């Protein structure tokens, strides 16, 4: 998991550094609208919407813009977005899963395919790389919220699979089926999580060369810059030194 943690951290830093705030808000707003359209417009009664609103608040998205996105979905005047997953291999044979919300597959698919091709990778069929990942619910809290034992006890009773605690945060992982129950139990006791989402976690890792890793991150930049793309997951394992260099640290 060390490789995943490093990659997750660098992905987060890259997002802060490289992606314009307006683009981030557009992606967050789209998820809020879709969540509100698919379920109730009340975050307390709609787990997907609640998670989307929490994510938006973490990025300091204005309250009025969040409310506007909810109303757009609840009012039925929003575009018909659908969730699409693309899978393929990037530079160095790194497996990538790209999740998108699009109102036009005929636009999005060629754009994703072209990005892979230009990077020397290849877009594959659905499930061509997802077998190398595990779909998990991930819930995170700052370390100062509670002791590791307190988090573990609440999470375990609610059906969580694992809890990892360090000096910075508590990270709880669950099955997809138990995700909502575990998140709700934790939020009831400790308040809103800093992150709660379904994620793709790699089961096997790929170790690209420094040159391949650099090309990989250029590909990820292009993918993340696409308005339709919501998340990019990869099974790259990188050394601490390479992480520092790629993140500009």
Protein backbone atom coordinates (compact mmCIF):
# COMPACT_ATOMS: atom_id res chain seq x y z
CA UNK A 1 0.00 0.00 0.00
CA UNK A 2 3.02 2.29 0.34
CA UNK A 3 3.06 2.80 -3.39
CA UNK A 4 -0.62 3.67 -3.42
CA UNK A 5 -0.20 6.15 -0.58
CA UNK A 6 2.64 7.91 -2.38
CA UNK A 7 0.68 8.02 -5.61
CA UNK A 8 -2.44 9.28 -3.86
CA UNK A 9 -0.47 12.07 -2.21
CA UNK A 10 1.18 13.22 -5.40
CA UNK A 11 -2.14 13.08 -7.25
CA UNK A 12 -3.61 15.33 -4.56
CA UNK A 13 -0.74 17.80 -4.76
CA UNK A 14 -0.89 17.85 -8.54
CA UNK A 15 -4.58 18.60 -8.34
CA UNK A 16 -3.95 21.56 -6.06
CA UNK A 17 -1.14 22.88 -8.24
CA UNK A 18 -2.29 22.23 -11.77
CA UNK A 19 -6.06 22.20 -12.06
CA UNK A 20 -7.80 25.55 -12.17
CA UNK A 21 -10.34 26.18 -9.45
CA UNK A 22 -13.08 26.83 -12.00
CA UNK A 23 -12.53 23.40 -13.56
CA UNK A 24 -12.61 21.73 -10.15
CA UNK A 25 -15.90 23.47 -9.35
CA UNK A 26 -17.37 22.39 -12.68
CA UNK A 27 -16.55 18.74 -11.98
CA UNK A 28 -17.86 18.93 -8.42
CA UNK A 29 -21.01 20.71 -9.58
CA UNK A 30 -21.67 18.04 -12.18
CA UNK A 31 -21.44 15.28 -9.57
CA UNK A 32 -23.76 17.19 -7.21
CA UNK A 33 -26.30 17.71 -10.01
CA UNK A 34 -26.22 14.04 -11.04
CA UNK A 35 -26.55 12.90 -7.42
CA UNK A 36 -29.51 15.22 -6.84
CA UNK A 37 -31.18 14.09 -10.05
CA UNK A 38 -30.78 10.39 -9.25
CA UNK A 39 -32.09 10.63 -5.69
CA UNK A 40 -33.59 13.05 -3.19
CA UNK A 41 -32.26 16.64 -3.23
CA UNK A 42 -31.62 16.44 0.53
CA UNK A 43 -28.00 15.45 1.39
CA UNK A 44 -29.22 13.93 4.66
CA UNK A 45 -31.38 11.46 2.70
CA UNK A 46 -29.09 10.95 -0.30
CA UNK A 47 -25.69 9.37 0.49
CA UNK A 48 -24.18 10.12 -2.93
CA UNK A 49 -25.29 13.74 -2.74
CA UNK A 50 -23.96 14.06 0.81
CA UNK A 51 -20.55 12.78 -0.28
CA UNK A 52 -20.53 15.17 -3.25
CA UNK A 53 -21.42 18.17 -1.08
CA UNK A 54 -18.71 17.28 1.45
CA UNK A 55 -16.15 17.05 -1.35
CA UNK A 56 -17.26 20.43 -2.68
CA UNK A 57 -16.97 22.08 0.74
CA UNK A 58 -13.46 20.68 1.13
CA UNK A 59 -12.51 22.54 -2.06
CA UNK A 60 -14.16 25.73 -0.76
CA UNK A 61 -16.86 25.70 -3.40
CA UNK A 62 -19.25 28.60 -2.69
CA UNK A 63 -22.44 27.65 -0.86
CA UNK A 64 -24.67 29.32 -3.43
CA UNK A 65 -23.02 27.34 -6.23
CA UNK A 66 -23.57 24.07 -4.34
CA UNK A 67 -27.24 24.96 -3.83
CA UNK A 68 -27.60 25.91 -7.50
CA UNK A 69 -26.17 22.53 -8.58
CA UNK A 70 -28.62 20.71 -6.28
CA UNK A 71 -31.57 22.70 -7.62
CA UNK A 72 -30.47 22.02 -11.18
CA UNK A 73 -30.56 18.28 -10.57
CA UNK A 74 -33.76 18.32 -8.52
CA UNK A 75 -35.54 20.49 -11.09
CA UNK A 76 -34.86 18.07 -13.89
CA UNK A 77 -33.45 20.75 -16.18
CA UNK A 78 -29.90 19.40 -16.02
CA UNK A 79 -28.28 17.55 -18.89
CA UNK A 80 -28.62 13.77 -18.93
CA UNK A 81 -25.22 12.73 -17.65
CA UNK A 82 -24.23 9.08 -17.44
CA UNK A 83 -21.39 7.43 -15.58
CA UNK A 84 -18.81 5.86 -17.89
CA UNK A 85 -15.66 3.94 -17.02
CA UNK A 86 -12.65 3.70 -19.30
CA UNK A 87 -9.76 1.31 -18.72
CA UNK A 88 -6.38 0.95 -20.32
CA UNK A 89 -2.60 0.95 -19.99
CA UNK A 90 -0.41 4.02 -19.80
CA UNK A 91 3.36 4.44 -20.13
CA UNK A 92 5.34 1.64 -18.47
CA UNK A 93 2.35 -0.68 -18.55
CA UNK A 94 0.66 1.18 -15.68
CA UNK A 95 -3.02 0.25 -15.44
CA UNK A 96 -5.43 3.19 -15.43
CA UNK A 97 -9.13 3.46 -14.63
CA UNK A 98 -10.81 6.68 -15.73
CA UNK A 99 -14.28 7.51 -14.41
CA UNK A 100 -16.32 10.12 -16.23
CA UNK A 101 -19.71 11.80 -16.20
CA UNK A 102 -20.71 12.66 -19.74
CA UNK A 103 -23.72 13.82 -21.69
CA UNK A 104 -22.13 12.64 -24.96
CA UNK A 105 -20.20 9.37 -25.15
CA UNK A 106 -19.38 10.06 -28.79
CA UNK A 107 -17.36 13.08 -27.66
CA UNK A 108 -15.76 11.67 -24.53
CA UNK A 109 -14.58 8.25 -25.75
CA UNK A 110 -12.47 9.56 -28.67
CA UNK A 111 -10.91 12.21 -26.43
CA UNK A 112 -9.89 9.60 -23.85
CA UNK A 113 -8.65 7.20 -26.54
CA UNK A 114 -6.56 9.93 -28.18
CA UNK A 115 -4.99 10.90 -24.85
CA UNK A 116 -3.90 7.31 -24.23
CA UNK A 117 -2.56 6.90 -27.77
CA UNK A 118 -0.52 10.13 -27.69
CA UNK A 119 1.08 9.01 -24.42
CA UNK A 120 2.12 5.68 -25.92
CA UNK A 121 -0.58 3.82 -24.04
CA UNK A 122 -3.71 2.04 -25.17
CA UNK A 123 -7.34 2.22 -24.17
CA UNK A 124 -8.80 -1.23 -23.58
CA UNK A 125 -12.22 -2.77 -23.15
CA UNK A 126 -14.28 -2.54 -19.97
CA UNK A 127 -12.80 -4.85 -17.30
CA UNK A 128 -9.47 -5.05 -19.15
CA UNK A 129 -7.59 -3.75 -16.08
CA UNK A 130 -10.18 -3.47 -13.30
CA UNK A 131 -9.37 -7.03 -12.18
CA UNK A 132 -6.09 -5.57 -10.90
CA UNK A 133 -8.00 -3.22 -8.60
CA UNK A 134 -10.38 -3.55 -5.70
CA UNK A 135 -13.44 -1.32 -5.36
CA UNK A 136 -13.54 -0.03 -1.79
CA UNK A 137 -15.33 2.49 0.33
CA UNK A 138 -12.81 4.90 1.87
CA UNK A 139 -13.58 7.22 4.78
CA UNK A 140 -10.96 9.53 6.28
CA UNK A 141 -10.76 11.66 9.42
CA UNK A 142 -7.99 13.91 10.79
CA UNK A 143 -5.93 12.20 13.48
CA UNK A 144 -7.06 14.74 16.08
CA UNK A 145 -10.76 13.87 15.79
CA UNK A 146 -10.47 10.79 18.02
CA UNK A 147 -8.08 8.08 19.13
CA UNK A 148 -7.24 5.21 16.84
CA UNK A 149 -9.03 2.85 19.23
CA UNK A 150 -12.21 4.93 19.20
CA UNK A 151 -12.30 5.09 15.41
CA UNK A 152 -11.54 1.38 15.15
CA UNK A 153 -14.27 0.39 17.60
CA UNK A 154 -16.98 2.41 15.85
CA UNK A 155 -15.86 1.33 12.38
CA UNK A 156 -15.60 -2.34 13.28
CA UNK A 157 -19.04 -2.42 14.88
CA UNK A 158 -20.52 -0.88 11.72
CA UNK A 159 -18.90 -3.50 9.47
CA UNK A 160 -15.65 -1.89 8.27
CA UNK A 161 -12.87 -4.10 6.92
CA UNK A 162 -9.82 -2.16 8.04
CA UNK A 163 -8.61 0.98 9.82
CA UNK A 164 -5.19 2.55 9.23
CA UNK A 165 -4.18 5.33 11.62
CA UNK A 166 -1.05 7.47 11.60
CA UNK A 167 -0.01 10.91 12.86
CA UNK A 168 -2.06 12.68 10.18
CA UNK A 169 -5.27 10.76 9.66
CA UNK A 170 -7.48 7.74 10.24
CA UNK A 171 -8.43 5.90 7.06
CA UNK A 172 -11.29 3.42 7.21
CA UNK A 173 -11.92 1.00 4.34
CA UNK A 174 -15.07 -1.01 3.72
CA UNK A 175 -16.76 -3.13 1.12
CA UNK A 176 -19.01 -1.28 -1.32
CA UNK A 177 -22.02 -2.93 0.34
CA UNK A 178 -21.09 -1.70 3.85
CA UNK A 179 -19.84 1.73 2.81
CA UNK A 180 -22.99 3.72 3.62
CA UNK A 181 -23.56 2.04 6.99
CA UNK A 182 -19.97 2.54 8.11
CA UNK A 183 -19.85 6.16 6.94
CA UNK A 184 -23.14 6.98 8.66
CA UNK A 185 -22.00 5.40 11.94
CA UNK A 186 -18.72 7.32 11.88
CA UNK A 187 -20.41 10.62 10.96
CA UNK A 188 -22.96 10.20 13.74
CA UNK A 189 -20.19 9.88 16.32
CA UNK A 190 -17.35 11.99 14.92
CA UNK A 191 -19.01 14.42 12.50
CA UNK A 192 -18.47 14.77 8.73
CA UNK A 193 -15.48 12.94 7.27
CA UNK A 194 -12.77 14.81 5.38
CA UNK A 195 -13.19 12.26 2.61
CA UNK A 196 -15.79 9.60 1.93
CA UNK A 197 -15.89 7.98 -1.47
CA UNK A 198 -15.76 4.76 -3.42
CA UNK A 199 -12.25 4.30 -4.80
CA UNK A 200 -10.30 1.88 -6.97
CA UNK A 201 -7.37 0.51 -4.96
CA UNK A 202 -4.70 -1.51 -6.82
CA UNK A 203 -4.16 -5.15 -5.90
CA UNK A 204 -1.00 -5.41 -7.99
CA UNK A 205 1.48 -2.61 -8.66
CA UNK A 206 3.48 -1.52 -11.72
CA UNK A 207 6.85 0.18 -11.37
CA UNK A 208 7.57 2.51 -14.29
CA UNK A 209 11.00 3.97 -15.02
CA UNK A 210 11.49 7.67 -14.22
CA UNK A 211 10.97 8.53 -17.90
CA UNK A 212 7.81 6.42 -18.06
CA UNK A 213 6.54 7.95 -14.81
CA UNK A 214 7.01 11.44 -16.24
CA UNK A 215 5.05 10.46 -19.36
CA UNK A 216 2.41 8.87 -17.14
CA UNK A 217 1.82 12.09 -15.25
CA UNK A 218 1.57 14.04 -18.48
CA UNK A 219 -1.17 11.62 -19.52
CA UNK A 220 -2.92 12.03 -16.18
CA UNK A 221 -2.73 15.81 -16.57
CA UNK A 222 -4.46 15.56 -19.95
CA UNK A 223 -7.13 13.21 -18.59
CA UNK A 224 -7.81 15.36 -15.52
CA UNK A 225 -8.04 18.44 -17.72
CA UNK A 226 -10.97 16.84 -19.57
CA UNK A 227 -14.24 18.32 -18.28
CA UNK A 228 -15.96 14.93 -18.36
CA UNK A 229 -13.34 13.10 -16.28
CA UNK A 230 -14.09 12.85 -12.57
CA UNK A 231 -11.37 10.53 -11.24
CA UNK A 232 -8.22 8.80 -12.46
CA UNK A 233 -6.86 5.73 -10.63
CA UNK A 234 -3.54 4.03 -11.37
CA UNK A 235 -1.44 1.17 -10.02
CA UNK A 236 1.89 2.97 -10.23
CA UNK A 237 4.45 2.36 -7.50
CA UNK A 238 7.00 5.14 -7.25
CA UNK A 239 10.08 5.73 -5.11
CA UNK A 240 10.09 8.59 -2.60
CA UNK A 241 12.73 10.39 -4.66
CA UNK A 242 10.66 10.15 -7.83
CA UNK A 243 7.56 11.33 -6.01
CA UNK A 244 9.43 14.39 -4.79
CA UNK A 245 10.74 15.21 -8.27
CA UNK A 246 7.41 14.75 -10.04
CA UNK A 247 5.57 16.80 -7.44
CA UNK A 248 8.12 19.60 -7.59
CA UNK A 249 8.94 19.02 -3.96
